Amino acid sequence: QPTTKNHPILIPLPKFFTFIHPHEGRKKEEEEGRRKRERVRKINNS
């Protein structure tokens, strides 16, 4: 997962980040969900 390497500080703080910035946290969660769905779709297609 390249995200972990590029943003090591953001990874352990998702809930904290959501608490401080609900909108940003929600955007990040949606992005993560989209990535997971895309990954699943790729696995199913291959």
N, C-alpha and C. Protein backbone atom coordinates (compact mmCIF):
# COMPACT_ATOMS: atom_id res chain seq x y z
N GLN A 1 0.83 -1.21 0.00
CA GLN A 1 0.00 0.00 0.00
C GLN A 1 0.86 1.26 0.00
N PRO A 2 0.92 1.93 -1.13
CA PRO A 2 1.76 3.13 -1.25
C PRO A 2 1.33 4.25 -0.31
N THR A 3 0.03 4.30 0.02
CA THR A 3 -0.48 5.35 0.89
C THR A 3 0.26 5.36 2.23
N THR A 4 0.48 4.17 2.79
CA THR A 4 1.12 4.07 4.10
C THR A 4 2.54 4.64 4.04
N LYS A 5 3.25 4.38 2.95
CA LYS A 5 4.63 4.85 2.84
C LYS A 5 4.67 6.36 2.63
N ASN A 6 3.74 6.87 1.80
CA ASN A 6 3.76 8.29 1.48
C ASN A 6 3.26 9.16 2.63
N HIS A 7 2.29 8.65 3.39
CA HIS A 7 1.71 9.43 4.48
C HIS A 7 1.69 8.63 5.78
N PRO A 8 2.86 8.35 6.36
CA PRO A 8 2.90 7.52 7.57
C PRO A 8 2.19 8.18 8.75
N ILE A 9 2.14 9.52 8.76
CA ILE A 9 1.54 10.23 9.89
C ILE A 9 0.02 10.17 9.82
N LEU A 10 -0.54 10.17 8.61
CA LEU A 10 -1.99 10.19 8.47
C LEU A 10 -2.63 8.85 8.84
N ILE A 11 -1.90 7.76 8.67
CA ILE A 11 -2.49 6.44 8.84
C ILE A 11 -2.97 6.17 10.28
N PRO A 12 -2.17 6.43 11.32
CA PRO A 12 -2.66 6.12 12.67
C PRO A 12 -3.71 7.10 13.20
N LEU A 13 -4.01 8.16 12.45
CA LEU A 13 -4.90 9.19 12.99
C LEU A 13 -6.24 9.35 12.27
N PRO A 14 -6.79 8.30 11.64
CA PRO A 14 -8.02 8.55 10.89
C PRO A 14 -9.17 9.04 11.76
N LYS A 15 -9.38 8.42 12.93
CA LYS A 15 -10.50 8.81 13.80
C LYS A 15 -10.25 10.20 14.39
N PHE A 16 -9.02 10.45 14.80
CA PHE A 16 -8.65 11.74 15.36
C PHE A 16 -8.86 12.84 14.32
N PHE A 17 -8.43 12.53 13.10
CA PHE A 17 -8.56 13.46 11.98
C PHE A 17 -10.04 13.75 11.72
N THR A 18 -10.85 12.69 11.76
CA THR A 18 -12.30 12.85 11.55
C THR A 18 -12.89 13.72 12.65
N PHE A 19 -12.39 13.54 13.87
CA PHE A 19 -12.91 14.30 15.01
C PHE A 19 -12.63 15.79 14.82
N ILE A 20 -11.42 16.11 14.36
CA ILE A 20 -11.04 17.51 14.17
C ILE A 20 -11.71 18.10 12.93
N HIS A 21 -11.69 17.34 11.84
CA HIS A 21 -12.21 17.84 10.57
C HIS A 21 -13.20 16.82 9.99
N PRO A 22 -14.43 16.85 10.44
CA PRO A 22 -15.41 15.83 10.01
C PRO A 22 -15.52 15.73 8.49
N HIS A 23 -15.54 16.88 7.81
CA HIS A 23 -15.72 16.86 6.36
C HIS A 23 -14.53 16.19 5.69
N GLU A 24 -13.33 16.59 6.10
CA GLU A 24 -12.11 15.99 5.52
C GLU A 24 -12.08 14.49 5.81
N GLY A 25 -12.41 14.12 7.03
CA GLY A 25 -12.40 12.70 7.40
C GLY A 25 -13.37 11.91 6.56
N ARG A 26 -14.56 12.49 6.35
CA ARG A 26 -15.57 11.80 5.55
C ARG A 26 -15.06 11.63 4.12
N LYS A 27 -14.44 12.69 3.58
CA LYS A 27 -13.91 12.61 2.22
C LYS A 27 -12.88 11.49 2.13
N LYS A 28 -12.02 11.40 3.14
CA LYS A 28 -10.96 10.39 3.14
C LYS A 28 -11.58 8.99 3.21
N GLU A 29 -12.60 8.83 4.06
CA GLU A 29 -13.26 7.53 4.18
C GLU A 29 -13.90 7.13 2.86
N GLU A 30 -14.56 8.09 2.19
CA GLU A 30 -15.18 7.79 0.91
C GLU A 30 -14.12 7.36 -0.10
N GLU A 31 -12.98 8.08 -0.07
CA GLU A 31 -11.89 7.76 -0.98
C GLU A 31 -11.39 6.34 -0.72
N GLU A 32 -11.20 5.99 0.56
CA GLU A 32 -10.73 4.65 0.92
C GLU A 32 -11.72 3.60 0.43
N GLY A 33 -13.01 3.86 0.67
CA GLY A 33 -14.04 2.91 0.24
C GLY A 33 -14.01 2.71 -1.27
N ARG A 34 -13.83 3.82 -1.99
CA ARG A 34 -13.80 3.74 -3.44
C ARG A 34 -12.60 2.90 -3.87
N ARG A 35 -11.46 3.12 -3.21
CA ARG A 35 -10.25 2.37 -3.56
C ARG A 35 -10.46 0.87 -3.31
N LYS A 36 -11.08 0.55 -2.17
CA LYS A 36 -11.32 -0.86 -1.85
C LYS A 36 -12.21 -1.50 -2.90
N ARG A 37 -13.28 -0.77 -3.29
CA ARG A 37 -14.20 -1.31 -4.29
C ARG A 37 -13.48 -1.52 -5.63
N GLU A 38 -12.62 -0.55 -6.00
CA GLU A 38 -11.89 -0.68 -7.25
C GLU A 38 -10.96 -1.90 -7.21
N ARG A 39 -10.32 -2.10 -6.05
CA ARG A 39 -9.40 -3.23 -5.91
C ARG A 39 -10.18 -4.53 -6.05
N VAL A 40 -11.34 -4.60 -5.39
CA VAL A 40 -12.17 -5.82 -5.47
C VAL A 40 -12.60 -6.05 -6.91
N ARG A 41 -12.98 -4.97 -7.60
CA ARG A 41 -13.43 -5.09 -8.98
C ARG A 41 -12.31 -5.64 -9.86
N LYS A 42 -11.07 -5.15 -9.63
CA LYS A 42 -9.93 -5.61 -10.41
C LYS A 42 -9.69 -7.11 -10.17
N ILE A 43 -9.80 -7.52 -8.90
CA ILE A 43 -9.57 -8.93 -8.56
C ILE A 43 -10.64 -9.80 -9.23
N ASN A 44 -11.90 -9.32 -9.21
CA ASN A 44 -12.98 -10.09 -9.81
C ASN A 44 -12.84 -10.17 -11.33
N ASN A 45 -12.32 -9.11 -11.95
CA ASN A 45 -12.19 -9.08 -13.40
C ASN A 45 -11.05 -9.97 -13.89
N SER A 46 -10.01 -10.11 -13.08
CA SER A 46 -8.84 -10.87 -13.54
C SER A 46 -9.10 -12.38 -13.45
